[in-house]
Amino acid sequence: MRDSAKKIAEYKAKLFVVSTDDEKKAKEFAESLGNAYPILADPERKAAKLFGVDGFLGFAKRVTFIFDNSGKLVEVDRKVKLGSHGEDLLNKLKQLQISKRDE
């Protein structure tokens, strides 16, 4: 995902990661990635529960939600593959015809 962050930024899309870790751990993780995108801390798991991704033993399920420019949820990927997630997301943005920033 980190390697695809610049290409994803070409789209009129915002990339956020929500972690059930506390703020300190989320910040450390973001820094380890070079802050390619923000990592939001959700230690009380409110967002995880709201989006239905609260998992076993305090770990959230890895799920990607894609919203269009009007804020409408247009895609949910519940089968995130860590090794190809960035490229998979880029392909999905193209398939959904999400606009690029220069268009």
PDB file of N, CA and C in Angstrom:
ATOM      1  N   MET A   1       0.819  -1.188   0.000  1.00  0.00           N
ATOM      2  CA  MET A   1       0.000   0.000   0.000  1.00  0.00           C
ATOM      3  C   MET A   1       0.868   1.258   0.000  1.00  0.00           C
ATOM      4  N   ARG A   2       1.921   1.233   0.794  1.00  0.00           N
ATOM      5  CA  ARG A   2       2.816   2.392   0.875  1.00  0.00           C
ATOM      6  C   ARG A   2       3.367   2.731  -0.504  1.00  0.00           C
ATOM      7  N   ASP A   3       3.733   1.715  -1.280  1.00  0.00           N
ATOM      8  CA  ASP A   3       4.326   1.940  -2.593  1.00  0.00           C
ATOM      9  C   ASP A   3       3.333   2.529  -3.594  1.00  0.00           C
ATOM     10  N   SER A   4       2.053   2.360  -3.354  1.00  0.00           N
ATOM     11  CA  SER A   4       1.024   2.860  -4.266  1.00  0.00           C
ATOM     12  C   SER A   4       0.438   4.188  -3.814  1.00  0.00           C
ATOM     13  N   ALA A   5       0.841   4.694  -2.670  1.00  0.00           N
ATOM     14  CA  ALA A   5       0.236   5.901  -2.097  1.00  0.00           C
ATOM     15  C   ALA A   5       0.331   7.098  -3.035  1.00  0.00           C
ATOM     16  N   LYS A   6       1.456   7.278  -3.721  1.00  0.00           N
ATOM     17  CA  LYS A   6       1.607   8.422  -4.630  1.00  0.00           C
ATOM     18  C   LYS A   6       0.667   8.307  -5.818  1.00  0.00           C
ATOM     19  N   LYS A   7       0.525   7.097  -6.354  1.00  0.00           N
ATOM     20  CA  LYS A   7      -0.391   6.897  -7.486  1.00  0.00           C
ATOM     21  C   LYS A   7      -1.837   7.083  -7.050  1.00  0.00           C
ATOM     22  N   ILE A   8      -2.164   6.625  -5.864  1.00  0.00           N
ATOM     23  CA  ILE A   8      -3.523   6.804  -5.343  1.00  0.00           C
ATOM     24  C   ILE A   8      -3.809   8.287  -5.159  1.00  0.00           C
ATOM     25  N   ALA A   9      -2.803   9.050  -4.739  1.00  0.00           N
ATOM     26  CA  ALA A   9      -2.956  10.494  -4.522  1.00  0.00           C
ATOM     27  C   ALA A   9      -3.268  11.243  -5.819  1.00  0.00           C
ATOM     28  N   GLU A  10      -3.041  10.632  -6.972  1.00  0.00           N
ATOM     29  CA  GLU A  10      -3.380  11.251  -8.252  1.00  0.00           C
ATOM     30  C   GLU A  10      -4.892  11.313  -8.457  1.00  0.00           C
ATOM     31  N   TYR A  11      -5.613  10.493  -7.721  1.00  0.00           N
ATOM     32  CA  TYR A  11      -7.073  10.455  -7.832  1.00  0.00           C
ATOM     33  C   TYR A  11      -7.710  11.413  -6.841  1.00  0.00           C
ATOM     34  N   LYS A  12      -8.928  11.792  -7.140  1.00  0.00           N
ATOM     35  CA  LYS A  12      -9.696  12.609  -6.192  1.00  0.00           C
ATOM     36  C   LYS A  12     -10.200  11.676  -5.101  1.00  0.00           C
ATOM     37  N   ALA A  13      -9.237  11.164  -4.371  1.00  0.00           N
ATOM     38  CA  ALA A  13      -9.520  10.194  -3.323  1.00  0.00           C
ATOM     39  C   ALA A  13      -8.666  10.533  -2.121  1.00  0.00           C
ATOM     40  N   LYS A  14      -9.157  10.239  -0.964  1.00  0.00           N
ATOM     41  CA  LYS A  14      -8.392  10.414   0.266  1.00  0.00           C
ATOM     42  C   LYS A  14      -8.242   9.053   0.900  1.00  0.00           C
ATOM     43  N   LEU A  15      -7.046   8.767   1.315  1.00  0.00           N
ATOM     44  CA  LEU A  15      -6.733   7.469   1.885  1.00  0.00           C
ATOM     45  C   LEU A  15      -6.513   7.628   3.380  1.00  0.00           C
ATOM     46  N   PHE A  16      -7.277   6.895   4.160  1.00  0.00           N
ATOM     47  CA  PHE A  16      -7.132   6.880   5.608  1.00  0.00           C
ATOM     48  C   PHE A  16      -7.077   5.431   6.065  1.00  0.00           C
ATOM     49  N   VAL A  17      -6.301   5.190   7.056  1.00  0.00           N
ATOM     50  CA  VAL A  17      -6.271   3.881   7.693  1.00  0.00           C
ATOM     51  C   VAL A  17      -6.753   4.083   9.115  1.00  0.00           C
ATOM     52  N   VAL A  18      -7.640   3.237   9.560  1.00  0.00           N
ATOM     53  CA  VAL A  18      -8.113   3.289  10.942  1.00  0.00           C
ATOM     54  C   VAL A  18      -7.550   2.071  11.653  1.00  0.00           C
ATOM     55  N   SER A  19      -6.861   2.336  12.750  1.00  0.00           N
ATOM     56  CA  SER A  19      -6.238   1.280  13.539  1.00  0.00           C
ATOM     57  C   SER A  19      -6.889   1.231  14.913  1.00  0.00           C
ATOM     58  N   THR A  20      -7.041   0.039  15.440  1.00  0.00           N
ATOM     59  CA  THR A  20      -7.588  -0.082  16.797  1.00  0.00           C
ATOM     60  C   THR A  20      -6.500   0.090  17.853  1.00  0.00           C
ATOM     61  N   ASP A  21      -5.285   0.396  17.418  1.00  0.00           N
ATOM     62  CA  ASP A  21      -4.216   0.709  18.358  1.00  0.00           C
ATOM     63  C   ASP A  21      -4.459   2.086  18.976  1.00  0.00           C
ATOM     64  N   ASP A  22      -3.733   2.361  20.065  1.00  0.00           N
ATOM     65  CA  ASP A  22      -3.833   3.687  20.673  1.00  0.00           C
ATOM     66  C   ASP A  22      -3.088   4.704  19.804  1.00  0.00           C
ATOM     67  N   GLU A  23      -3.222   5.969  20.159  1.00  0.00           N
ATOM     68  CA  GLU A  23      -2.664   7.046  19.349  1.00  0.00           C
ATOM     69  C   GLU A  23      -1.140   6.933  19.204  1.00  0.00           C
ATOM     70  N   LYS A  24      -0.449   6.563  20.263  1.00  0.00           N
ATOM     71  CA  LYS A  24       1.011   6.452  20.216  1.00  0.00           C
ATOM     72  C   LYS A  24       1.441   5.385  19.212  1.00  0.00           C
ATOM     73  N   LYS A  25       0.826   4.207  19.280  1.00  0.00           N
ATOM     74  CA  LYS A  25       1.185   3.125  18.354  1.00  0.00           C
ATOM     75  C   LYS A  25       0.812   3.480  16.915  1.00  0.00           C
ATOM     76  N   ALA A  26      -0.347   4.133  16.727  1.00  0.00           N
ATOM     77  CA  ALA A  26      -0.768   4.528  15.380  1.00  0.00           C
ATOM     78  C   ALA A  26       0.216   5.543  14.801  1.00  0.00           C
ATOM     79  N   LYS A  27       0.661   6.484  15.635  1.00  0.00           N
ATOM     80  CA  LYS A  27       1.635   7.484  15.184  1.00  0.00           C
ATOM     81  C   LYS A  27       2.958   6.820  14.812  1.00  0.00           C
ATOM     82  N   GLU A  28       3.425   5.899  15.637  1.00  0.00           N
ATOM     83  CA  GLU A  28       4.671   5.184  15.346  1.00  0.00           C
ATOM     84  C   GLU A  28       4.561   4.406  14.035  1.00  0.00           C
ATOM     85  N   PHE A  29       3.415   3.782  13.810  1.00  0.00           N
ATOM     86  CA  PHE A  29       3.207   3.021  12.579  1.00  0.00           C
ATOM     87  C   PHE A  29       3.206   3.963  11.377  1.00  0.00           C
ATOM     88  N   ALA A  30       2.512   5.103  11.494  1.00  0.00           N
ATOM     89  CA  ALA A  30       2.477   6.085  10.404  1.00  0.00           C
ATOM     90  C   ALA A  30       3.885   6.575  10.088  1.00  0.00           C
ATOM     91  N   GLU A  31       4.666   6.843  11.117  1.00  0.00           N
ATOM     92  CA  GLU A  31       6.038   7.306  10.905  1.00  0.00           C
ATOM     93  C   GLU A  31       6.893   6.231  10.248  1.00  0.00           C
ATOM     94  N   SER A  32       6.653   4.965  10.584  1.00  0.00           N
ATOM     95  CA  SER A  32       7.427   3.876   9.977  1.00  0.00           C
ATOM     96  C   SER A  32       7.130   3.756   8.486  1.00  0.00           C
ATOM     97  N   LEU A  33       5.975   4.238   8.066  1.00  0.00           N
ATOM     98  CA  LEU A  33       5.597   4.210   6.651  1.00  0.00           C
ATOM     99  C   LEU A  33       5.998   5.488   5.929  1.00  0.00           C
ATOM    100  N   GLY A  34       6.644   6.403   6.650  1.00  0.00           N
ATOM    101  CA  GLY A  34       7.003   7.682   6.048  1.00  0.00           C
ATOM    102  C   GLY A  34       5.798   8.593   5.939  1.00  0.00           C
ATOM    103  N   ASN A  35       4.782   8.359   6.746  1.00  0.00           N
ATOM    104  CA  ASN A  35       3.559   9.164   6.748  1.00  0.00           C
ATOM    105  C   ASN A  35       2.958   9.313   5.348  1.00  0.00           C
ATOM    106  N   ALA A  36       2.949   8.239   4.593  1.00  0.00           N
ATOM    107  CA  ALA A  36       2.384   8.262   3.243  1.00  0.00           C
ATOM    108  C   ALA A  36       0.888   8.569   3.278  1.00  0.00           C
ATOM    109  N   TYR A  37       0.240   8.233   4.371  1.00  0.00           N
ATOM    110  CA  TYR A  37      -1.176   8.522   4.557  1.00  0.00           C
ATOM    111  C   TYR A  37      -1.451   8.506   6.056  1.00  0.00           C
ATOM    112  N   PRO A  38      -2.514   9.187   6.489  1.00  0.00           N
ATOM    113  CA  PRO A  38      -2.786   9.253   7.928  1.00  0.00           C
ATOM    114  C   PRO A  38      -3.319   7.934   8.479  1.00  0.00           C
ATOM    115  N   ILE A  39      -2.918   7.658   9.688  1.00  0.00           N
ATOM    116  CA  ILE A  39      -3.426   6.487  10.399  1.00  0.00           C
ATOM    117  C   ILE A  39      -4.186   7.018  11.609  1.00  0.00           C
ATOM    118  N   LEU A  40      -5.471   6.758  11.640  1.00  0.00           N
ATOM    119  CA  LEU A  40      -6.336   7.265  12.697  1.00  0.00           C
ATOM    120  C   LEU A  40      -6.467   6.223  13.798  1.00  0.00           C
ATOM    121  N   ALA A  41      -6.295   6.661  15.029  1.00  0.00           N
ATOM    122  CA  ALA A  41      -6.374   5.761  16.179  1.00  0.00           C
ATOM    123  C   ALA A  41      -7.822   5.588  16.610  1.00  0.00           C
ATOM    124  N   ASP A  42      -8.220   4.354  16.827  1.00  0.00           N
ATOM    125  CA  ASP A  42      -9.578   4.013  17.264  1.00  0.00           C
ATOM    126  C   ASP A  42      -9.493   2.985  18.395  1.00  0.00           C
ATOM    127  N   PRO A  43      -8.800   3.336  19.505  1.00  0.00           N
ATOM    128  CA  PRO A  43      -8.589   2.340  20.559  1.00  0.00           C
ATOM    129  C   PRO A  43      -9.867   1.860  21.234  1.00  0.00           C
ATOM    130  N   GLU A  44     -10.913   2.682  21.201  1.00  0.00           N
ATOM    131  CA  GLU A  44     -12.190   2.256  21.779  1.00  0.00           C
ATOM    132  C   GLU A  44     -13.030   1.476  20.774  1.00  0.00           C
ATOM    133  N   ARG A  45     -12.509   1.376  19.539  1.00  0.00           N
ATOM    134  CA  ARG A  45     -13.100   0.587  18.456  1.00  0.00           C
ATOM    135  C   ARG A  45     -14.491   1.068  18.043  1.00  0.00           C
ATOM    136  N   LYS A  46     -14.739   2.352  18.218  1.00  0.00           N
ATOM    137  CA  LYS A  46     -16.037   2.916  17.831  1.00  0.00           C
ATOM    138  C   LYS A  46     -16.234   2.863  16.318  1.00  0.00           C
ATOM    139  N   ALA A  47     -15.215   3.293  15.570  1.00  0.00           N
ATOM    140  CA  ALA A  47     -15.321   3.251  14.103  1.00  0.00           C
ATOM    141  C   ALA A  47     -15.378   1.818  13.609  1.00  0.00           C
ATOM    142  N   ALA A  48     -14.568   0.949  14.209  1.00  0.00           N
ATOM    143  CA  ALA A  48     -14.564  -0.462  13.808  1.00  0.00           C
ATOM    144  C   ALA A  48     -15.947  -1.075  13.984  1.00  0.00           C
ATOM    145  N   LYS A  49     -16.595  -0.762  15.086  1.00  0.00           N
ATOM    146  CA  LYS A  49     -17.944  -1.283  15.328  1.00  0.00           C
ATOM    147  C   LYS A  49     -18.950  -0.653  14.374  1.00  0.00           C
ATOM    148  N   LEU A  50     -18.825   0.656  14.157  1.00  0.00           N
ATOM    149  CA  LEU A  50     -19.746   1.365  13.266  1.00  0.00           C
ATOM    150  C   LEU A  50     -19.711   0.802  11.847  1.00  0.00           C
ATOM    151  N   PHE A  51     -18.499   0.465  11.375  1.00  0.00           N
ATOM    152  CA  PHE A  51     -18.343  -0.057  10.016  1.00  0.00           C
ATOM    153  C   PHE A  51     -18.429  -1.575   9.947  1.00  0.00           C
ATOM    154  N   GLY A  52     -18.668  -2.225  11.084  1.00  0.00           N
ATOM    155  CA  GLY A  52     -18.857  -3.669  11.092  1.00  0.00           C
ATOM    156  C   GLY A  52     -17.590  -4.463  10.850  1.00  0.00           C
ATOM    157  N   VAL A  53     -16.447  -3.919  11.266  1.00  0.00           N
ATOM    158  CA  VAL A  53     -15.177  -4.609  11.040  1.00  0.00           C
ATOM    159  C   VAL A  53     -14.472  -4.972  12.352  1.00  0.00           C
ATOM    160  N   ASP A  54     -15.163  -4.818  13.463  1.00  0.00           N
ATOM    161  CA  ASP A  54     -14.573  -5.155  14.755  1.00  0.00           C
ATOM    162  C   ASP A  54     -14.372  -6.658  14.800  1.00  0.00           C
ATOM    163  N   GLY A  55     -13.139  -7.051  15.008  1.00  0.00           N
ATOM    164  CA  GLY A  55     -12.809  -8.466  14.947  1.00  0.00           C
ATOM    165  C   GLY A  55     -12.495  -9.077  16.287  1.00  0.00           C
ATOM    166  N   PHE A  56     -11.932 -10.240  16.217  1.00  0.00           N
ATOM    167  CA  PHE A  56     -11.616 -11.067  17.371  1.00  0.00           C
ATOM    168  C   PHE A  56     -10.389 -10.527  18.106  1.00  0.00           C
ATOM    169  N   LEU A  57     -10.407 -10.568  19.417  1.00  0.00           N
ATOM    170  CA  LEU A  57      -9.285 -10.177  20.283  1.00  0.00           C
ATOM    171  C   LEU A  57      -8.826  -8.741  20.077  1.00  0.00           C
ATOM    172  N   GLY A  58      -9.736  -7.852  19.707  1.00  0.00           N
ATOM    173  CA  GLY A  58      -9.394  -6.447  19.569  1.00  0.00           C
ATOM    174  C   GLY A  58      -8.787  -6.044  18.249  1.00  0.00           C
ATOM    175  N   PHE A  59      -8.648  -6.986  17.333  1.00  0.00           N
ATOM    176  CA  PHE A  59      -8.116  -6.672  16.016  1.00  0.00           C
ATOM    177  C   PHE A  59      -9.270  -6.400  15.059  1.00  0.00           C
ATOM    178  N   ALA A  60      -9.141  -5.327  14.291  1.00  0.00           N
ATOM    179  CA  ALA A  60     -10.153  -5.035  13.285  1.00  0.00           C
ATOM    180  C   ALA A  60      -9.874  -5.863  12.039  1.00  0.00           C
ATOM    181  N   LYS A  61     -10.925  -6.226  11.340  1.00  0.00           N
ATOM    182  CA  LYS A  61     -10.777  -6.923  10.064  1.00  0.00           C
ATOM    183  C   LYS A  61     -10.252  -5.929   9.038  1.00  0.00           C
ATOM    184  N   ARG A  62      -9.442  -6.391   8.120  1.00  0.00           N
ATOM    185  CA  ARG A  62      -8.903  -5.520   7.062  1.00  0.00           C
ATOM    186  C   ARG A  62      -9.945  -5.418   5.954  1.00  0.00           C
ATOM    187  N   VAL A  63     -10.533  -4.240   5.866  1.00  0.00           N
ATOM    188  CA  VAL A  63     -11.580  -3.988   4.884  1.00  0.00           C
ATOM    189  C   VAL A  63     -11.337  -2.603   4.291  1.00  0.00           C
ATOM    190  N   THR A  64     -11.573  -2.463   2.992  1.00  0.00           N
ATOM    191  CA  THR A  64     -11.443  -1.170   2.333  1.00  0.00           C
ATOM    192  C   THR A  64     -12.822  -0.703   1.901  1.00  0.00           C
ATOM    193  N   PHE A  65     -13.142   0.536   2.258  1.00  0.00           N
ATOM    194  CA  PHE A  65     -14.391   1.173   1.866  1.00  0.00           C
ATOM    195  C   PHE A  65     -14.050   2.281   0.886  1.00  0.00           C
ATOM    196  N   ILE A  66     -14.718   2.316  -0.246  1.00  0.00           N
ATOM    197  CA  ILE A  66     -14.486   3.357  -1.242  1.00  0.00           C
ATOM    198  C   ILE A  66     -15.774   4.163  -1.383  1.00  0.00           C
ATOM    199  N   PHE A  67     -15.608   5.469  -1.197  1.00  0.00           N
ATOM    200  CA  PHE A  67     -16.719   6.406  -1.334  1.00  0.00           C
ATOM    201  C   PHE A  67     -16.463   7.258  -2.564  1.00  0.00           C
ATOM    202  N   ASP A  68     -17.518   7.596  -3.300  1.00  0.00           N
ATOM    203  CA  ASP A  68     -17.328   8.460  -4.460  1.00  0.00           C
ATOM    204  C   ASP A  68     -17.207   9.911  -3.995  1.00  0.00           C
ATOM    205  N   ASN A  69     -17.075  10.823  -4.957  1.00  0.00           N
ATOM    206  CA  ASN A  69     -16.846  12.225  -4.617  1.00  0.00           C
ATOM    207  C   ASN A  69     -18.021  12.870  -3.901  1.00  0.00           C
ATOM    208  N   SER A  70     -19.194  12.269  -4.005  1.00  0.00           N
ATOM    209  CA  SER A  70     -20.358  12.814  -3.296  1.00  0.00           C
ATOM    210  C   SER A  70     -20.501  12.223  -1.893  1.00  0.00           C
ATOM    211  N   GLY A  71     -19.606  11.310  -1.546  1.00  0.00           N
ATOM    212  CA  GLY A  71     -19.652  10.690  -0.223  1.00  0.00           C
ATOM    213  C   GLY A  71     -20.466   9.410  -0.172  1.00  0.00           C
ATOM    214  N   LYS A  72     -20.927   8.931  -1.318  1.00  0.00           N
ATOM    215  CA  LYS A  72     -21.706   7.695  -1.379  1.00  0.00           C
ATOM    216  C   LYS A  72     -20.773   6.480  -1.367  1.00  0.00           C
ATOM    217  N   LEU A  73     -21.071   5.513  -0.537  1.00  0.00           N
ATOM    218  CA  LEU A  73     -20.304   4.273  -0.495  1.00  0.00           C
ATOM    219  C   LEU A  73     -20.564   3.510  -1.793  1.00  0.00           C
ATOM    220  N   VAL A  74     -19.487   3.246  -2.557  1.00  0.00           N
ATOM    221  CA  VAL A  74     -19.657   2.589  -3.852  1.00  0.00           C
ATOM    222  C   VAL A  74     -18.992   1.223  -3.927  1.00  0.00           C
ATOM    223  N   GLU A  75     -18.136   0.899  -2.960  1.00  0.00           N
ATOM    224  CA  GLU A  75     -17.450  -0.393  -3.013  1.00  0.00           C
ATOM    225  C   GLU A  75     -16.942  -0.771  -1.626  1.00  0.00           C
ATOM    226  N   VAL A  76     -17.041  -2.050  -1.311  1.00  0.00           N
ATOM    227  CA  VAL A  76     -16.471  -2.588  -0.079  1.00  0.00           C
ATOM    228  C   VAL A  76     -15.651  -3.812  -0.456  1.00  0.00           C
ATOM    229  N   ASP A  77     -14.376  -3.771  -0.107  1.00  0.00           N
ATOM    230  CA  ASP A  77     -13.482  -4.900  -0.372  1.00  0.00           C
ATOM    231  C   ASP A  77     -13.209  -5.592   0.958  1.00  0.00           C
ATOM    232  N   ARG A  78     -13.809  -6.750   1.144  1.00  0.00           N
ATOM    233  CA  ARG A  78     -13.629  -7.510   2.380  1.00  0.00           C
ATOM    234  C   ARG A  78     -12.549  -8.585   2.239  1.00  0.00           C
ATOM    235  N   LYS A  79     -11.907  -8.634   1.075  1.00  0.00           N
ATOM    236  CA  LYS A  79     -10.874  -9.644   0.823  1.00  0.00           C
ATOM    237  C   LYS A  79      -9.546  -8.952   0.507  1.00  0.00           C
ATOM    238  N   VAL A  80      -9.107  -8.097   1.416  1.00  0.00           N
ATOM    239  CA  VAL A  80      -7.871  -7.348   1.222  1.00  0.00           C
ATOM    240  C   VAL A  80      -6.681  -8.301   1.217  1.00  0.00           C
ATOM    241  N   LYS A  81      -5.873  -8.190   0.185  1.00  0.00           N
ATOM    242  CA  LYS A  81      -4.641  -8.980   0.067  1.00  0.00           C
ATOM    243  C   LYS A  81      -3.478  -8.038   0.331  1.00  0.00           C
ATOM    244  N   LEU A  82      -2.767  -8.261   1.424  1.00  0.00           N
ATOM    245  CA  LEU A  82      -1.707  -7.340   1.824  1.00  0.00           C
ATOM    246  C   LEU A  82      -0.676  -7.102   0.738  1.00  0.00           C
ATOM    247  N   GLY A  83      -0.238  -8.123   0.057  1.00  0.00           N
ATOM    248  CA  GLY A  83       0.814  -7.988  -0.936  1.00  0.00           C
ATOM    249  C   GLY A  83       0.433  -7.183  -2.159  1.00  0.00           C
ATOM    250  N   SER A  84      -0.850  -7.145  -2.495  1.00  0.00           N
ATOM    251  CA  SER A  84      -1.272  -6.459  -3.719  1.00  0.00           C
ATOM    252  C   SER A  84      -2.337  -5.390  -3.464  1.00  0.00           C
ATOM    253  N   HIS A  85      -2.549  -5.034  -2.216  1.00  0.00           N
ATOM    254  CA  HIS A  85      -3.661  -4.136  -1.898  1.00  0.00           C
ATOM    255  C   HIS A  85      -3.569  -2.789  -2.599  1.00  0.00           C
ATOM    256  N   GLY A  86      -2.394  -2.191  -2.659  1.00  0.00           N
ATOM    257  CA  GLY A  86      -2.247  -0.904  -3.328  1.00  0.00           C
ATOM    258  C   GLY A  86      -2.628  -0.979  -4.796  1.00  0.00           C
ATOM    259  N   GLU A  87      -2.100  -1.958  -5.497  1.00  0.00           N
ATOM    260  CA  GLU A  87      -2.429  -2.134  -6.916  1.00  0.00           C
ATOM    261  C   GLU A  87      -3.902  -2.502  -7.088  1.00  0.00           C
ATOM    262  N   ASP A  88      -4.416  -3.332  -6.201  1.00  0.00           N
ATOM    263  CA  ASP A  88      -5.839  -3.695  -6.268  1.00  0.00           C
ATOM    264  C   ASP A  88      -6.711  -2.452  -6.118  1.00  0.00           C
ATOM    265  N   LEU A  89      -6.322  -1.575  -5.190  1.00  0.00           N
ATOM    266  CA  LEU A  89      -7.092  -0.348  -4.972  1.00  0.00           C
ATOM    267  C   LEU A  89      -7.008   0.572  -6.183  1.00  0.00           C
ATOM    268  N   LEU A  90      -5.834   0.705  -6.769  1.00  0.00           N
ATOM    269  CA  LEU A  90      -5.696   1.520  -7.983  1.00  0.00           C
ATOM    270  C   LEU A  90      -6.591   0.986  -9.101  1.00  0.00           C
ATOM    271  N   ASN A  91      -6.601  -0.319  -9.294  1.00  0.00           N
ATOM    272  CA  ASN A  91      -7.456  -0.918 -10.320  1.00  0.00           C
ATOM    273  C   ASN A  91      -8.928  -0.650 -10.038  1.00  0.00           C
ATOM    274  N   LYS A  92      -9.305  -0.711  -8.770  1.00  0.00           N
ATOM    275  CA  LYS A  92     -10.703  -0.472  -8.405  1.00  0.00           C
ATOM    276  C   LYS A  92     -11.087   0.992  -8.642  1.00  0.00           C
ATOM    277  N   LEU A  93     -10.178   1.926  -8.332  1.00  0.00           N
ATOM    278  CA  LEU A  93     -10.462   3.345  -8.590  1.00  0.00           C
ATOM    279  C   LEU A  93     -10.679   3.585 -10.079  1.00  0.00           C
ATOM    280  N   LYS A  94      -9.858   2.943 -10.909  1.00  0.00           N
ATOM    281  CA  LYS A  94     -10.028   3.057 -12.368  1.00  0.00           C
ATOM    282  C   LYS A  94     -11.359   2.458 -12.802  1.00  0.00           C
ATOM    283  N   GLN A  95     -11.656   1.258 -12.299  1.00  0.00           N
ATOM    284  CA  GLN A  95     -12.891   0.560 -12.662  1.00  0.00           C
ATOM    285  C   GLN A  95     -14.126   1.380 -12.267  1.00  0.00           C
ATOM    286  N   LEU A  96     -14.074   2.024 -11.111  1.00  0.00           N
ATOM    287  CA  LEU A  96     -15.203   2.819 -10.619  1.00  0.00           C
ATOM    288  C   LEU A  96     -15.253   4.213 -11.268  1.00  0.00           C
ATOM    289  N   GLN A  97     -14.270   4.507 -12.101  1.00  0.00           N
ATOM    290  CA  GLN A  97     -14.163   5.782 -12.797  1.00  0.00           C
ATOM    291  C   GLN A  97     -14.105   6.963 -11.815  1.00  0.00           C
ATOM    292  N   ILE A  98     -13.333   6.769 -10.752  1.00  0.00           N
ATOM    293  CA  ILE A  98     -13.081   7.872  -9.825  1.00  0.00           C
ATOM    294  C   ILE A  98     -12.165   8.847 -10.548  1.00  0.00           C
ATOM    295  N   SER A  99     -12.497  10.119 -10.535  1.00  0.00           N
ATOM    296  CA  SER A  99     -11.754  11.133 -11.278  1.00  0.00           C
ATOM    297  C   SER A  99     -10.351  11.315 -10.733  1.00  0.00           C
ATOM    298  N   LYS A 100      -9.456  11.688 -11.644  1.00  0.00           N
ATOM    299  CA  LYS A 100      -8.106  12.070 -11.244  1.00  0.00           C
ATOM    300  C   LYS A 100      -8.118  13.556 -10.900  1.00  0.00           C
ATOM    301  N   ARG A 101      -7.155  13.991 -10.120  1.00  0.00           N
ATOM    302  CA  ARG A 101      -7.090  15.372  -9.647  1.00  0.00           C
ATOM    303  C   ARG A 101      -6.910  16.380 -10.785  1.00  0.00           C
ATOM    304  N   ASP A 102      -6.229  16.016 -11.851  1.00  0.00           N
ATOM    305  CA  ASP A 102      -5.973  16.952 -12.933  1.00  0.00           C
ATOM    306  C   ASP A 102      -7.080  16.992 -13.975  1.00  0.00           C
ATOM    307  N   GLU A 103      -8.146  16.262 -13.746  1.00  0.00           N
ATOM    308  CA  GLU A 103      -9.264  16.224 -14.723  1.00  0.00           C
ATOM    309  C   GLU A 103     -10.296  17.260 -14.384  1.00  0.00           C
TER     310      GLU A 103
END
